[in-house]
Amino acid sequence: MKTCKVAMLGFGIAGRAFSRILLDNHSDIAEKTGYDVQIVTISTATRGTLNKPEGIDLAEAVRAVEEDGHFDRNDSGYCEWSAMDVVDQADYDVLLELTPLNIETGQPAIDHLKGAMSRGRHAISANKGPIAWAYRELRDLAKEKGVCFYFETTVMAGMPIFNMADYCLEYAKVSEVKGILNATTNYILRQMELGLPQETIYENGRKGGFMEADLSMDVDGFDAAAKLTALLNVLMDAGITPDDIDRTGIGDVTTEQVMGAVARGNKLKLLCRGGIKDGKVWGRVHPEEIPASHAFSGEDVVAVVELTTDLMDRLSIVQYGLETTQTGYGVFIDLMRVLRETSR
């Protein structure tokens, strides 16, 4: 049986969710792909780094981080390598880029991916920054080096947007993208429909542990703009960055505006739109009223993307739940795709 050695940059919620799925399916993976997948390196910014060419005890690594808050410093594989040290020096076949998003530049994740692919390694990114800021460069490097480069988790927590595009829409041209791409703002706007001001919603969310202390990336529309940019870059070869998106968040939206929309039979949503006009790709993120009967307005809709194509008309992918397993599964299925491609 062949061995696939995987290096992980980042071991947060998504990384640990991926790890659990990998552990639960280890024997099935071997049977279906002929590969024994071994995690050989895990790099974190604050919890230490593990590097074991023979394979890390993944269950113990998950336990150590969740219960102790860090890796065992007495572990034989414990080291002080930085993420870039891992990229340049570790012995791996596939790199998982799971580090936090830098919305302003996409770095250092871009350099992590470039470094891995330059060494002839396959790369998977759950980080949307590189796709928003440097997709063409990374795509072309992957082709030049003959390696796989996948990123299903970057837009809708593993919902199969890019897999669908690659496998089912290979000969269809996407002319327009529309959707709700930020779950946090969608939740905030739904709560405002109940008459709650944004400040109260933020306070309740932070107390409940499901909202970050700094919500500016969500509320000001930066996250949605980065996701829209990623979609346009991949599906329409736009070659743009988030700076090219016409962006307005929901920070100035009042409860009165939201409830006024409801009174008119509508819902206020942070809509993402993009398409081609006069041969140029455009993108827009703005609060908009849509009918309460619209598919995007469903109470249980977390996020949604709608693609308009020449051959298949309009297609939608709707995300109804928001679980960490979805993000982990997106990374997992990208890895399975690498194994399928390399076993041909």
Foldseek 3Di string as FASTA:
>chain_A
DAEAEEAEEDCPLLNLLLLVVCVVCQVVLCVVQVYRYAHAWYAYDPAFIFGHPVHDPSVVQSCCCVPVVHDDCPDPRTDHDHLVCCLQPHDGQEYEADDDEDLPARPPSLVSLLSNLVVLHAYEYLHLSCLQHPVVVSVVSCVVSVHHYYHCNNFALQQRPPVCCVPPVVPWAWFKKKKAGALVQVVQQVVLLVVDWSVVVQVVCVVVPNDDPDCCCQQQCSSVLSNLSSCCCRRVVQNHHSVQEATGGCPPPGSVNQNVLVVVQWGWGQMKMWGADPRHIYIYTDTDIDHCPDPNNDPQFRMKMWTAIDPPGIDMDTDRDDDSSSNSVSRVVSVSVSSVVVSD
